């Protein structure tokens, strides 16, 4: 696929990018690149690794130079020795080939869904944040990862399935207790770009899969995501949002009541999205009362989980006399306490 961040660079930056890429792919102990300031060099190195998740074995670098030289000598800090890198590359190649083989003939939406579900079903958030968890080696090799490693894993699988995909990076925000940058994906489906945050859905999933962050537009994603560090394409439509695709995005209380009754009859959990206006506290209370009444009419009890920023509600019904409860969900907190 076209390297997104590379295409946003000027010619000098692209030349540095290409030199670094060649050096890393060749696993050279050191190599020369055109001199630039430290911040720009770090930026190019980082963006290269967002474009190329297969370069998972070099996390940072050192460099040296002479004052009167136009070049610097870069020395990557590799996570493994050269032979071990080759072993990991072979293992990753085999793993990726096996994963994408079954999805080759799917539609773009089905491919995205397949990748999302693989992450949610097979990857555990690594609260210890080991170094390889920031790379594809964590999610695809060890079954653990942090948001950056998960987003890179999604990207490399999308790349293999010819699905345009970018790794997006947002700022941290200590004022909101968001200590670290966050990573997710922006994916192109049928000509339009959408946000996909598999880490947040993974964090919220408790036995039942969640799709709260599957194909969001800009307005929705930035309700609980910080501004991006690097510019990404505009995501202006939510037409392929998962719950809309599955006819689980409601604008009327009557629709929620009917779906609750269906879920009770089939003994299933109900997860739905509300798009009948901003989810105020009073409106939420009305919706919750409708759910309670639906359960009561069938002699059931329920526990309700609410992702308020995304207006997604999950309802579990019980025959036994459990206390009706409501739990407010926060994907950032879930992510940082998972594992």
C-alpha atoms as a PDB file:
ATOM      1  CA  UNK A   1       0.000   0.000   0.000  1.00  0.00           C
ATOM      2  CA  UNK A   2       1.063   3.629  -0.485  1.00  0.00           C
ATOM      3  CA  UNK A   3       3.074   4.818   2.550  1.00  0.00           C
ATOM      4  CA  UNK A   4       0.798   7.538   3.937  1.00  0.00           C
ATOM      5  CA  UNK A   5       3.214   9.481   6.130  1.00  0.00           C
ATOM      6  CA  UNK A   6       5.966   9.306   3.499  1.00  0.00           C
ATOM      7  CA  UNK A   7       3.619  10.953   0.993  1.00  0.00           C
ATOM      8  CA  UNK A   8       3.044  13.883   3.393  1.00  0.00           C
ATOM      9  CA  UNK A   9       6.777  14.707   3.537  1.00  0.00           C
ATOM     10  CA  UNK A  10       8.849  17.138   1.471  1.00  0.00           C
ATOM     11  CA  UNK A  11      11.599  15.820  -0.810  1.00  0.00           C
ATOM     12  CA  UNK A  12      14.394  16.218   1.747  1.00  0.00           C
ATOM     13  CA  UNK A  13      12.400  14.385   4.408  1.00  0.00           C
ATOM     14  CA  UNK A  14      11.554  11.642   1.927  1.00  0.00           C
ATOM     15  CA  UNK A  15      15.250  11.223   1.109  1.00  0.00           C
ATOM     16  CA  UNK A  16      16.056  10.798   4.816  1.00  0.00           C
ATOM     17  CA  UNK A  17      13.105   8.404   5.190  1.00  0.00           C
ATOM     18  CA  UNK A  18      14.373   6.245   2.305  1.00  0.00           C
ATOM     19  CA  UNK A  19      17.914   6.145   3.702  1.00  0.00           C
ATOM     20  CA  UNK A  20      16.670   5.086   7.149  1.00  0.00           C
ATOM     21  CA  UNK A  21      14.330   2.501   5.619  1.00  0.00           C
ATOM     22  CA  UNK A  22      17.146   0.942   3.602  1.00  0.00           C
ATOM     23  CA  UNK A  23      19.430   0.848   6.636  1.00  0.00           C
ATOM     24  CA  UNK A  24      16.814  -0.730   8.901  1.00  0.00           C
ATOM     25  CA  UNK A  25      15.633  -3.279   6.346  1.00  0.00           C
ATOM     26  CA  UNK A  26      19.271  -4.259   5.793  1.00  0.00           C
ATOM     27  CA  UNK A  27      19.791  -4.412   9.580  1.00  0.00           C
ATOM     28  CA  UNK A  28      22.940  -2.321   9.219  1.00  0.00           C
ATOM     29  CA  UNK A  29      24.738  -1.512  12.484  1.00  0.00           C
ATOM     30  CA  UNK A  30      25.092   2.096  11.295  1.00  0.00           C
ATOM     31  CA  UNK A  31      24.567   4.147   8.134  1.00  0.00           C
ATOM     32  CA  UNK A  32      24.665   7.730   6.893  1.00  0.00           C
ATOM     33  CA  UNK A  33      21.653   9.960   6.349  1.00  0.00           C
ATOM     34  CA  UNK A  34      21.272  13.617   5.480  1.00  0.00           C
ATOM     35  CA  UNK A  35      21.604  15.899   8.490  1.00  0.00           C
ATOM     36  CA  UNK A  36      18.546  17.612   9.953  1.00  0.00           C
ATOM     37  CA  UNK A  37      17.570  18.739  13.437  1.00  0.00           C
ATOM     38  CA  UNK A  38      16.980  16.145  16.166  1.00  0.00           C
ATOM     39  CA  UNK A  39      13.210  16.627  16.354  1.00  0.00           C
ATOM     40  CA  UNK A  40      12.716  16.209  12.613  1.00  0.00           C
ATOM     41  CA  UNK A  41      14.958  13.140  12.517  1.00  0.00           C
ATOM     42  CA  UNK A  42      12.969  11.519  15.341  1.00  0.00           C
ATOM     43  CA  UNK A  43       9.720  12.414  13.589  1.00  0.00           C
ATOM     44  CA  UNK A  44      10.808  10.805  10.319  1.00  0.00           C
ATOM     45  CA  UNK A  45      12.042   7.685  12.117  1.00  0.00           C
ATOM     46  CA  UNK A  46       8.737   7.376  13.996  1.00  0.00           C
ATOM     47  CA  UNK A  47       6.531   7.983  10.932  1.00  0.00           C
ATOM     48  CA  UNK A  48       8.534   5.429   8.956  1.00  0.00           C
ATOM     49  CA  UNK A  49       7.722   2.797  11.563  1.00  0.00           C
ATOM     50  CA  UNK A  50       4.019   3.757  11.453  1.00  0.00           C
ATOM     51  CA  UNK A  51       4.074   3.288   7.670  1.00  0.00           C
ATOM     52  CA  UNK A  52       6.064   0.043   7.896  1.00  0.00           C
ATOM     53  CA  UNK A  53       4.957  -2.146  10.829  1.00  0.00           C
ATOM     54  CA  UNK A  54       7.162  -4.941   9.484  1.00  0.00           C
ATOM     55  CA  UNK A  55      10.159  -2.944  10.805  1.00  0.00           C
ATOM     56  CA  UNK A  56       9.392  -4.069  14.344  1.00  0.00           C
ATOM     57  CA  UNK A  57      12.918  -4.680  15.543  1.00  0.00           C
ATOM     58  CA  UNK A  58      14.289  -1.114  15.845  1.00  0.00           C
ATOM     59  CA  UNK A  59      12.614   1.110  18.405  1.00  0.00           C
ATOM     60  CA  UNK A  60      15.005   4.055  18.618  1.00  0.00           C
ATOM     61  CA  UNK A  61      18.437   5.250  17.487  1.00  0.00           C
ATOM     62  CA  UNK A  62      21.574   7.220  18.296  1.00  0.00           C
ATOM     63  CA  UNK A  63      23.605   9.314  15.876  1.00  0.00           C
ATOM     64  CA  UNK A  64      26.865  11.214  15.589  1.00  0.00           C
ATOM     65  CA  UNK A  65      28.190  13.841  13.182  1.00  0.00           C
ATOM     66  CA  UNK A  66      30.883  16.393  12.485  1.00  0.00           C
ATOM     67  CA  UNK A  67      29.869  20.040  12.643  1.00  0.00           C
ATOM     68  CA  UNK A  68      30.963  20.777   9.058  1.00  0.00           C
ATOM     69  CA  UNK A  69      29.357  17.644   7.572  1.00  0.00           C
ATOM     70  CA  UNK A  70      26.005  17.518   5.772  1.00  0.00           C
ATOM     71  CA  UNK A  71      25.518  13.906   6.880  1.00  0.00           C
ATOM     72  CA  UNK A  72      25.014  12.137  10.197  1.00  0.00           C
ATOM     73  CA  UNK A  73      25.802   8.543  11.075  1.00  0.00           C
ATOM     74  CA  UNK A  74      22.718   6.836  12.472  1.00  0.00           C
ATOM     75  CA  UNK A  75      23.082   3.866  14.786  1.00  0.00           C
ATOM     76  CA  UNK A  76      19.742   2.051  15.310  1.00  0.00           C
ATOM     77  CA  UNK A  77      19.157   0.307  18.622  1.00  0.00           C
ATOM     78  CA  UNK A  78      17.869  -3.100  17.558  1.00  0.00           C
ATOM     79  CA  UNK A  79      15.713  -5.148  19.935  1.00  0.00           C
ATOM     80  CA  UNK A  80      17.439  -8.386  18.856  1.00  0.00           C
ATOM     81  CA  UNK A  81      20.609  -9.550  17.129  1.00  0.00           C
ATOM     82  CA  UNK A  82      20.536 -10.063  13.369  1.00  0.00           C
ATOM     83  CA  UNK A  83      19.893 -13.822  13.468  1.00  0.00           C
ATOM     84  CA  UNK A  84      17.058 -13.404  15.949  1.00  0.00           C
ATOM     85  CA  UNK A  85      15.537 -10.670  13.779  1.00  0.00           C
ATOM     86  CA  UNK A  86      15.528 -13.089  10.826  1.00  0.00           C
ATOM     87  CA  UNK A  87      13.810 -15.727  12.985  1.00  0.00           C
ATOM     88  CA  UNK A  88      11.136 -13.264  14.088  1.00  0.00           C
ATOM     89  CA  UNK A  89      10.642 -12.033  10.524  1.00  0.00           C
ATOM     90  CA  UNK A  90      10.072 -15.583   9.295  1.00  0.00           C
ATOM     91  CA  UNK A  91       7.643 -16.289  12.139  1.00  0.00           C
ATOM     92  CA  UNK A  92       5.740 -13.047  11.487  1.00  0.00           C
ATOM     93  CA  UNK A  93       5.593 -13.754   7.744  1.00  0.00           C
ATOM     94  CA  UNK A  94       4.137 -17.207   8.351  1.00  0.00           C
ATOM     95  CA  UNK A  95       1.668 -15.873  10.939  1.00  0.00           C
ATOM     96  CA  UNK A  96       0.442 -13.041   8.723  1.00  0.00           C
ATOM     97  CA  UNK A  97       0.127 -15.280   5.636  1.00  0.00           C
ATOM     98  CA  UNK A  98      -1.965 -17.753   7.625  1.00  0.00           C
ATOM     99  CA  UNK A  99      -4.232 -15.032   9.012  1.00  0.00           C
ATOM    100  CA  UNK A 100      -4.938 -13.260   5.724  1.00  0.00           C
ATOM    101  CA  UNK A 101      -5.365 -16.394   3.600  1.00  0.00           C
ATOM    102  CA  UNK A 102      -8.954 -16.933   4.715  1.00  0.00           C
ATOM    103  CA  UNK A 103      -9.924 -13.291   4.133  1.00  0.00           C
ATOM    104  CA  UNK A 104      -8.589 -12.721   0.610  1.00  0.00           C
ATOM    105  CA  UNK A 105     -12.000 -12.979  -1.087  1.00  0.00           C
ATOM    106  CA  UNK A 106     -13.986 -10.988   1.486  1.00  0.00           C
ATOM    107  CA  UNK A 107     -15.444  -7.527   0.893  1.00  0.00           C
ATOM    108  CA  UNK A 108     -13.509  -4.605   2.388  1.00  0.00           C
ATOM    109  CA  UNK A 109     -15.998  -4.312   5.263  1.00  0.00           C
ATOM    110  CA  UNK A 110     -15.745  -8.049   5.944  1.00  0.00           C
ATOM    111  CA  UNK A 111     -11.939  -7.864   5.929  1.00  0.00           C
ATOM    112  CA  UNK A 112     -12.017  -5.038   8.452  1.00  0.00           C
ATOM    113  CA  UNK A 113     -14.463  -6.962  10.630  1.00  0.00           C
ATOM    114  CA  UNK A 114     -12.311 -10.087  10.442  1.00  0.00           C
ATOM    115  CA  UNK A 115      -9.186  -8.170  11.547  1.00  0.00           C
ATOM    116  CA  UNK A 116     -11.064  -6.364  14.341  1.00  0.00           C
ATOM    117  CA  UNK A 117     -12.520  -9.606  15.679  1.00  0.00           C
ATOM    118  CA  UNK A 118      -9.152 -11.349  15.537  1.00  0.00           C
ATOM    119  CA  UNK A 119      -7.647  -8.613  17.738  1.00  0.00           C
ATOM    120  CA  UNK A 120     -10.548  -8.655  20.208  1.00  0.00           C
ATOM    121  CA  UNK A 121     -10.558 -12.440  20.500  1.00  0.00           C
ATOM    122  CA  UNK A 122      -6.816 -13.131  20.550  1.00  0.00           C
ATOM    123  CA  UNK A 123      -4.934 -10.145  21.992  1.00  0.00           C
ATOM    124  CA  UNK A 124      -4.719  -9.142  25.653  1.00  0.00           C
ATOM    125  CA  UNK A 125      -3.775  -5.609  26.629  1.00  0.00           C
ATOM    126  CA  UNK A 126      -0.275  -5.645  28.124  1.00  0.00           C
ATOM    127  CA  UNK A 127      -0.409  -3.412  31.182  1.00  0.00           C
ATOM    128  CA  UNK A 128       3.313  -4.016  31.783  1.00  0.00           C
ATOM    129  CA  UNK A 129       3.976  -2.386  28.395  1.00  0.00           C
ATOM    130  CA  UNK A 130       6.911  -4.555  27.373  1.00  0.00           C
ATOM    131  CA  UNK A 131       8.960  -3.168  24.504  1.00  0.00           C
ATOM    132  CA  UNK A 132       7.768  -5.705  21.918  1.00  0.00           C
ATOM    133  CA  UNK A 133       4.148  -4.894  22.838  1.00  0.00           C
ATOM    134  CA  UNK A 134       4.523  -1.616  20.920  1.00  0.00           C
ATOM    135  CA  UNK A 135       5.266  -3.591  17.750  1.00  0.00           C
ATOM    136  CA  UNK A 136       3.441  -6.284  15.742  1.00  0.00           C
ATOM    137  CA  UNK A 137       5.549  -8.895  17.489  1.00  0.00           C
ATOM    138  CA  UNK A 138       3.444  -8.457  20.632  1.00  0.00           C
ATOM    139  CA  UNK A 139      -0.107  -8.911  19.263  1.00  0.00           C
ATOM    140  CA  UNK A 140       0.753 -11.299  16.414  1.00  0.00           C
ATOM    141  CA  UNK A 141       3.524 -13.263  18.107  1.00  0.00           C
ATOM    142  CA  UNK A 142       2.796 -13.180  21.830  1.00  0.00           C
ATOM    143  CA  UNK A 143      -0.935 -12.399  21.950  1.00  0.00           C
ATOM    144  CA  UNK A 144      -0.331  -9.236  23.977  1.00  0.00           C
ATOM    145  CA  UNK A 145       0.047  -5.600  23.032  1.00  0.00           C
ATOM    146  CA  UNK A 146      -0.544  -1.961  23.831  1.00  0.00           C
ATOM    147  CA  UNK A 147      -2.463   0.396  21.569  1.00  0.00           C
ATOM    148  CA  UNK A 148       0.495   1.132  19.286  1.00  0.00           C
ATOM    149  CA  UNK A 149       1.306  -2.534  18.742  1.00  0.00           C
ATOM    150  CA  UNK A 150      -2.366  -3.335  18.157  1.00  0.00           C
ATOM    151  CA  UNK A 151      -2.764  -0.488  15.640  1.00  0.00           C
ATOM    152  CA  UNK A 152       0.363  -1.634  13.797  1.00  0.00           C
ATOM    153  CA  UNK A 153      -0.938  -5.211  13.754  1.00  0.00           C
ATOM    154  CA  UNK A 154      -4.229  -3.993  12.273  1.00  0.00           C
ATOM    155  CA  UNK A 155      -2.309  -2.008   9.658  1.00  0.00           C
ATOM    156  CA  UNK A 156      -0.045  -4.832   8.520  1.00  0.00           C
ATOM    157  CA  UNK A 157      -3.035  -7.162   8.128  1.00  0.00           C
ATOM    158  CA  UNK A 158      -4.927  -4.448   6.209  1.00  0.00           C
ATOM    159  CA  UNK A 159      -1.873  -3.878   4.002  1.00  0.00           C
ATOM    160  CA  UNK A 160      -1.749  -7.576   3.160  1.00  0.00           C
ATOM    161  CA  UNK A 161      -5.452  -7.490   2.259  1.00  0.00           C
ATOM    162  CA  UNK A 162      -5.144  -4.343   0.096  1.00  0.00           C
ATOM    163  CA  UNK A 163      -7.205  -2.315   2.561  1.00  0.00           C
ATOM    164  CA  UNK A 164      -5.904   1.289   2.843  1.00  0.00           C
ATOM    165  CA  UNK A 165      -4.991   1.840   6.496  1.00  0.00           C
ATOM    166  CA  UNK A 166      -3.118   4.413   8.584  1.00  0.00           C
ATOM    167  CA  UNK A 167      -1.921   4.356  12.183  1.00  0.00           C
ATOM    168  CA  UNK A 168      -3.232   7.511  13.901  1.00  0.00           C
ATOM    169  CA  UNK A 169      -1.513   8.896  16.997  1.00  0.00           C
ATOM    170  CA  UNK A 170      -3.118  11.260  19.525  1.00  0.00           C
ATOM    171  CA  UNK A 171      -1.545  13.412  22.215  1.00  0.00           C
ATOM    172  CA  UNK A 172      -1.582  12.547  25.890  1.00  0.00           C
ATOM    173  CA  UNK A 173      -3.540  14.751  28.291  1.00  0.00           C
ATOM    174  CA  UNK A 174      -2.415  14.657  31.942  1.00  0.00           C
ATOM    175  CA  UNK A 175      -5.326  16.943  32.929  1.00  0.00           C
ATOM    176  CA  UNK A 176      -7.674  14.083  32.004  1.00  0.00           C
ATOM    177  CA  UNK A 177      -5.398  11.418  33.536  1.00  0.00           C
ATOM    178  CA  UNK A 178      -4.413  10.324  30.023  1.00  0.00           C
ATOM    179  CA  UNK A 179      -0.723   9.651  30.627  1.00  0.00           C
ATOM    180  CA  UNK A 180       0.298   8.304  27.244  1.00  0.00           C
ATOM    181  CA  UNK A 181      -0.222   8.915  23.568  1.00  0.00           C
ATOM    182  CA  UNK A 182      -2.900   6.691  22.070  1.00  0.00           C
ATOM    183  CA  UNK A 183      -2.883   4.868  18.726  1.00  0.00           C
ATOM    184  CA  UNK A 184      -5.686   3.583  16.519  1.00  0.00           C
ATOM    185  CA  UNK A 185      -6.386   3.209  12.794  1.00  0.00           C
ATOM    186  CA  UNK A 186      -7.998   5.124   9.988  1.00  0.00           C
ATOM    187  CA  UNK A 187      -9.265   2.769   7.283  1.00  0.00           C
ATOM    188  CA  UNK A 188     -10.699   3.382   3.806  1.00  0.00           C
ATOM    189  CA  UNK A 189     -13.892   1.479   3.043  1.00  0.00           C
ATOM    190  CA  UNK A 190     -15.657   1.933  -0.307  1.00  0.00           C
ATOM    191  CA  UNK A 191     -13.922   5.249  -0.956  1.00  0.00           C
ATOM    192  CA  UNK A 192     -14.472   6.837   2.483  1.00  0.00           C
ATOM    193  CA  UNK A 193     -12.176   7.024   5.513  1.00  0.00           C
ATOM    194  CA  UNK A 194     -13.316   5.830   8.957  1.00  0.00           C
ATOM    195  CA  UNK A 195     -11.791   5.553  12.429  1.00  0.00           C
ATOM    196  CA  UNK A 196     -11.282   2.067  13.874  1.00  0.00           C
ATOM    197  CA  UNK A 197     -10.039   1.720  17.452  1.00  0.00           C
ATOM    198  CA  UNK A 198      -9.588  -2.005  18.013  1.00  0.00           C
ATOM    199  CA  UNK A 199      -7.826  -1.365  21.339  1.00  0.00           C
ATOM    200  CA  UNK A 200     -10.834   0.419  22.832  1.00  0.00           C
ATOM    201  CA  UNK A 201     -13.242  -2.263  21.584  1.00  0.00           C
ATOM    202  CA  UNK A 202     -10.871  -4.909  22.939  1.00  0.00           C
ATOM    203  CA  UNK A 203     -10.825  -3.150  26.314  1.00  0.00           C
ATOM    204  CA  UNK A 204     -14.624  -2.974  26.493  1.00  0.00           C
ATOM    205  CA  UNK A 205     -15.233  -6.548  25.318  1.00  0.00           C
ATOM    206  CA  UNK A 206     -16.198  -8.871  28.156  1.00  0.00           C
ATOM    207  CA  UNK A 207     -17.143 -12.156  26.468  1.00  0.00           C
ATOM    208  CA  UNK A 208     -19.463 -10.302  24.068  1.00  0.00           C
ATOM    209  CA  UNK A 209     -17.599  -8.518  21.253  1.00  0.00           C
ATOM    210  CA  UNK A 210     -17.888  -4.724  21.148  1.00  0.00           C
ATOM    211  CA  UNK A 211     -17.943  -2.471  18.101  1.00  0.00           C
ATOM    212  CA  UNK A 212     -18.309   0.958  19.726  1.00  0.00           C
ATOM    213  CA  UNK A 213     -15.275   2.253  17.801  1.00  0.00           C
ATOM    214  CA  UNK A 214     -15.825   0.494  14.484  1.00  0.00           C
ATOM    215  CA  UNK A 215     -16.001   3.012  11.602  1.00  0.00           C
ATOM    216  CA  UNK A 216     -16.588   6.277  13.430  1.00  0.00           C
ATOM    217  CA  UNK A 217     -16.509   9.719  11.854  1.00  0.00           C
ATOM    218  CA  UNK A 218     -14.377  12.576  13.195  1.00  0.00           C
ATOM    219  CA  UNK A 219     -17.183  14.030  15.301  1.00  0.00           C
ATOM    220  CA  UNK A 220     -17.715  10.744  17.122  1.00  0.00           C
ATOM    221  CA  UNK A 221     -14.118   9.607  17.641  1.00  0.00           C
ATOM    222  CA  UNK A 222     -12.972  12.907  19.124  1.00  0.00           C
ATOM    223  CA  UNK A 223     -15.647  12.807  21.792  1.00  0.00           C
ATOM    224  CA  UNK A 224     -13.227  10.667  23.785  1.00  0.00           C
ATOM    225  CA  UNK A 225      -9.958  10.802  21.830  1.00  0.00           C
ATOM    226  CA  UNK A 226      -7.399  13.593  22.035  1.00  0.00           C
ATOM    227  CA  UNK A 227      -6.315  15.585  18.933  1.00  0.00           C
ATOM    228  CA  UNK A 228      -3.929  13.784  16.593  1.00  0.00           C
ATOM    229  CA  UNK A 229      -0.190  14.439  16.567  1.00  0.00           C
ATOM    230  CA  UNK A 230       0.087  14.020  12.784  1.00  0.00           C
ATOM    231  CA  UNK A 231      -2.569  15.045  10.258  1.00  0.00           C
ATOM    232  CA  UNK A 232      -4.826  12.253   8.993  1.00  0.00           C
ATOM    233  CA  UNK A 233      -7.521  12.169   6.274  1.00  0.00           C
ATOM    234  CA  UNK A 234     -10.929  13.621   7.099  1.00  0.00           C
ATOM    235  CA  UNK A 235     -13.495  11.053   8.213  1.00  0.00           C
ATOM    236  CA  UNK A 236     -16.717  12.852   7.391  1.00  0.00           C
ATOM    237  CA  UNK A 237     -19.303  10.083   7.385  1.00  0.00           C
ATOM    238  CA  UNK A 238     -20.492   7.431   9.832  1.00  0.00           C
ATOM    239  CA  UNK A 239     -22.508   5.496   7.269  1.00  0.00           C
ATOM    240  CA  UNK A 240     -20.524   2.283   7.803  1.00  0.00           C
ATOM    241  CA  UNK A 241     -20.550   2.472  11.601  1.00  0.00           C
ATOM    242  CA  UNK A 242     -20.979  -1.100  12.816  1.00  0.00           C
ATOM    243  CA  UNK A 243     -24.191  -0.638  14.786  1.00  0.00           C
ATOM    244  CA  UNK A 244     -25.809   1.181  11.873  1.00  0.00           C
ATOM    245  CA  UNK A 245     -24.740  -1.601   9.513  1.00  0.00           C
ATOM    246  CA  UNK A 246     -26.308  -4.154  11.851  1.00  0.00           C
ATOM    247  CA  UNK A 247     -29.481  -2.111  12.384  1.00  0.00           C
ATOM    248  CA  UNK A 248     -28.652  -1.633  16.054  1.00  0.00           C
ATOM    249  CA  UNK A 249     -28.563   2.171  15.979  1.00  0.00           C
ATOM    250  CA  UNK A 250     -31.903   3.511  17.238  1.00  0.00           C
ATOM    251  CA  UNK A 251     -33.682   6.849  17.247  1.00  0.00           C
ATOM    252  CA  UNK A 252     -36.867   5.798  19.077  1.00  0.00           C
ATOM    253  CA  UNK A 253     -37.467   4.315  22.521  1.00  0.00           C
ATOM    254  CA  UNK A 254     -39.983   1.944  20.975  1.00  0.00           C
ATOM    255  CA  UNK A 255     -37.207   0.351  18.906  1.00  0.00           C
ATOM    256  CA  UNK A 256     -35.150  -0.225  22.050  1.00  0.00           C
ATOM    257  CA  UNK A 257     -38.113  -1.813  23.845  1.00  0.00           C
ATOM    258  CA  UNK A 258     -38.767  -4.150  20.915  1.00  0.00           C
ATOM    259  CA  UNK A 259     -35.111  -5.184  20.735  1.00  0.00           C
ATOM    260  CA  UNK A 260     -35.005  -5.768  24.496  1.00  0.00           C
ATOM    261  CA  UNK A 261     -37.980  -8.107  24.232  1.00  0.00           C
ATOM    262  CA  UNK A 262     -36.331  -9.968  21.339  1.00  0.00           C
ATOM    263  CA  UNK A 263     -33.070 -10.305  23.304  1.00  0.00           C
ATOM    264  CA  UNK A 264     -34.937 -11.653  26.346  1.00  0.00           C
ATOM    265  CA  UNK A 265     -36.790 -14.176  24.193  1.00  0.00           C
ATOM    266  CA  UNK A 266     -33.536 -15.386  22.605  1.00  0.00           C
ATOM    267  CA  UNK A 267     -31.624 -15.209  25.897  1.00  0.00           C
ATOM    268  CA  UNK A 268     -29.032 -12.825  24.466  1.00  0.00           C
ATOM    269  CA  UNK A 269     -27.156  -9.718  25.502  1.00  0.00           C
ATOM    270  CA  UNK A 270     -28.286  -6.588  23.666  1.00  0.00           C
ATOM    271  CA  UNK A 271     -25.776  -3.919  22.609  1.00  0.00           C
ATOM    272  CA  UNK A 272     -27.121  -0.891  20.767  1.00  0.00           C
ATOM    273  CA  UNK A 273     -26.286   2.672  19.767  1.00  0.00           C
ATOM    274  CA  UNK A 274     -28.522   5.687  20.398  1.00  0.00           C
ATOM    275  CA  UNK A 275     -28.641   8.354  17.683  1.00  0.00           C
ATOM    276  CA  UNK A 276     -31.932   9.976  18.529  1.00  0.00           C
ATOM    277  CA  UNK A 277     -30.305  13.150  19.830  1.00  0.00           C
ATOM    278  CA  UNK A 278     -27.577  13.965  22.334  1.00  0.00           C
ATOM    279  CA  UNK A 279     -27.554  11.489  25.209  1.00  0.00           C
ATOM    280  CA  UNK A 280     -28.282  13.826  28.119  1.00  0.00           C
ATOM    281  CA  UNK A 281     -28.616  12.569  31.668  1.00  0.00           C
ATOM    282  CA  UNK A 282     -32.393  12.919  31.590  1.00  0.00           C
ATOM    283  CA  UNK A 283     -32.687  11.147  28.229  1.00  0.00           C
ATOM    284  CA  UNK A 284     -30.443   8.353  29.464  1.00  0.00           C
ATOM    285  CA  UNK A 285     -32.653   7.921  32.520  1.00  0.00           C
ATOM    286  CA  UNK A 286     -35.696   7.607  30.227  1.00  0.00           C
ATOM    287  CA  UNK A 287     -33.966   4.965  28.114  1.00  0.00           C
ATOM    288  CA  UNK A 288     -32.856   3.052  31.194  1.00  0.00           C
ATOM    289  CA  UNK A 289     -36.394   3.075  32.570  1.00  0.00           C
ATOM    290  CA  UNK A 290     -37.672   1.666  29.267  1.00  0.00           C
ATOM    291  CA  UNK A 291     -35.116  -1.138  29.515  1.00  0.00           C
ATOM    292  CA  UNK A 292     -36.024  -1.867  33.159  1.00  0.00           C
ATOM    293  CA  UNK A 293     -39.726  -1.962  32.260  1.00  0.00           C
ATOM    294  CA  UNK A 294     -39.073  -4.320  29.329  1.00  0.00           C
ATOM    295  CA  UNK A 295     -37.149  -6.697  31.589  1.00  0.00           C
ATOM    296  CA  UNK A 296     -39.772  -6.515  34.313  1.00  0.00           C
ATOM    297  CA  UNK A 297     -42.555  -7.354  31.855  1.00  0.00           C
ATOM    298  CA  UNK A 298     -40.814 -10.675  31.220  1.00  0.00           C
ATOM    299  CA  UNK A 299     -39.913 -11.220  34.881  1.00  0.00           C
ATOM    300  CA  UNK A 300     -36.244 -10.516  34.203  1.00  0.00           C
ATOM    301  CA  UNK A 301     -33.580  -8.396  35.857  1.00  0.00           C
ATOM    302  CA  UNK A 302     -30.797  -6.581  34.082  1.00  0.00           C
ATOM    303  CA  UNK A 303     -27.366  -5.046  34.302  1.00  0.00           C
ATOM    304  CA  UNK A 304     -26.636  -2.144  32.019  1.00  0.00           C
ATOM    305  CA  UNK A 305     -23.284  -0.810  30.799  1.00  0.00           C
ATOM    306  CA  UNK A 306     -23.107   2.632  29.197  1.00  0.00           C
ATOM    307  CA  UNK A 307     -20.365   4.046  26.981  1.00  0.00           C
ATOM    308  CA  UNK A 308     -21.642   7.607  27.299  1.00  0.00           C
ATOM    309  CA  UNK A 309     -19.316   9.407  24.838  1.00  0.00           C
ATOM    310  CA  UNK A 310     -20.269   6.988  22.054  1.00  0.00           C
ATOM    311  CA  UNK A 311     -23.905   6.575  23.205  1.00  0.00           C
ATOM    312  CA  UNK A 312     -23.590   2.790  23.235  1.00  0.00           C
ATOM    313  CA  UNK A 313     -25.547   0.714  25.758  1.00  0.00           C
ATOM    314  CA  UNK A 314     -25.060  -2.961  26.591  1.00  0.00           C
ATOM    315  CA  UNK A 315     -27.786  -4.853  28.482  1.00  0.00           C
ATOM    316  CA  UNK A 316     -27.442  -8.266  30.112  1.00  0.00           C
ATOM    317  CA  UNK A 317     -30.672  -9.949  31.235  1.00  0.00           C
ATOM    318  CA  UNK A 318     -30.945 -12.374  34.157  1.00  0.00           C
ATOM    319  CA  UNK A 319     -33.617 -14.771  35.341  1.00  0.00           C
ATOM    320  CA  UNK A 320     -32.306 -14.755  38.907  1.00  0.00           C
ATOM    321  CA  UNK A 321     -33.076 -11.812  41.164  1.00  0.00           C
ATOM    322  CA  UNK A 322     -29.922  -9.770  40.657  1.00  0.00           C
ATOM    323  CA  UNK A 323     -29.933  -6.100  41.545  1.00  0.00           C
ATOM    324  CA  UNK A 324     -30.594  -3.885  38.530  1.00  0.00           C
ATOM    325  CA  UNK A 325     -27.409  -1.879  38.049  1.00  0.00           C
ATOM    326  CA  UNK A 326     -25.898   0.681  35.670  1.00  0.00           C
ATOM    327  CA  UNK A 327     -22.138   0.906  35.080  1.00  0.00           C
ATOM    328  CA  UNK A 328     -20.541   3.783  33.187  1.00  0.00           C
ATOM    329  CA  UNK A 329     -17.739   2.510  30.946  1.00  0.00           C
ATOM    330  CA  UNK A 330     -14.514   4.338  30.088  1.00  0.00           C
ATOM    331  CA  UNK A 331     -12.354   2.700  27.427  1.00  0.00           C
ATOM    332  CA  UNK A 332      -9.220   4.594  28.521  1.00  0.00           C
ATOM    333  CA  UNK A 333      -9.549   3.294  32.076  1.00  0.00           C
ATOM    334  CA  UNK A 334     -10.442  -0.203  30.877  1.00  0.00           C
ATOM    335  CA  UNK A 335      -7.400  -0.192  28.597  1.00  0.00           C
ATOM    336  CA  UNK A 336      -5.006   0.870  31.339  1.00  0.00           C
ATOM    337  CA  UNK A 337      -6.369  -1.659  33.856  1.00  0.00           C
ATOM    338  CA  UNK A 338      -6.621  -4.593  31.434  1.00  0.00           C
ATOM    339  CA  UNK A 339      -4.198  -7.458  31.112  1.00  0.00           C
END
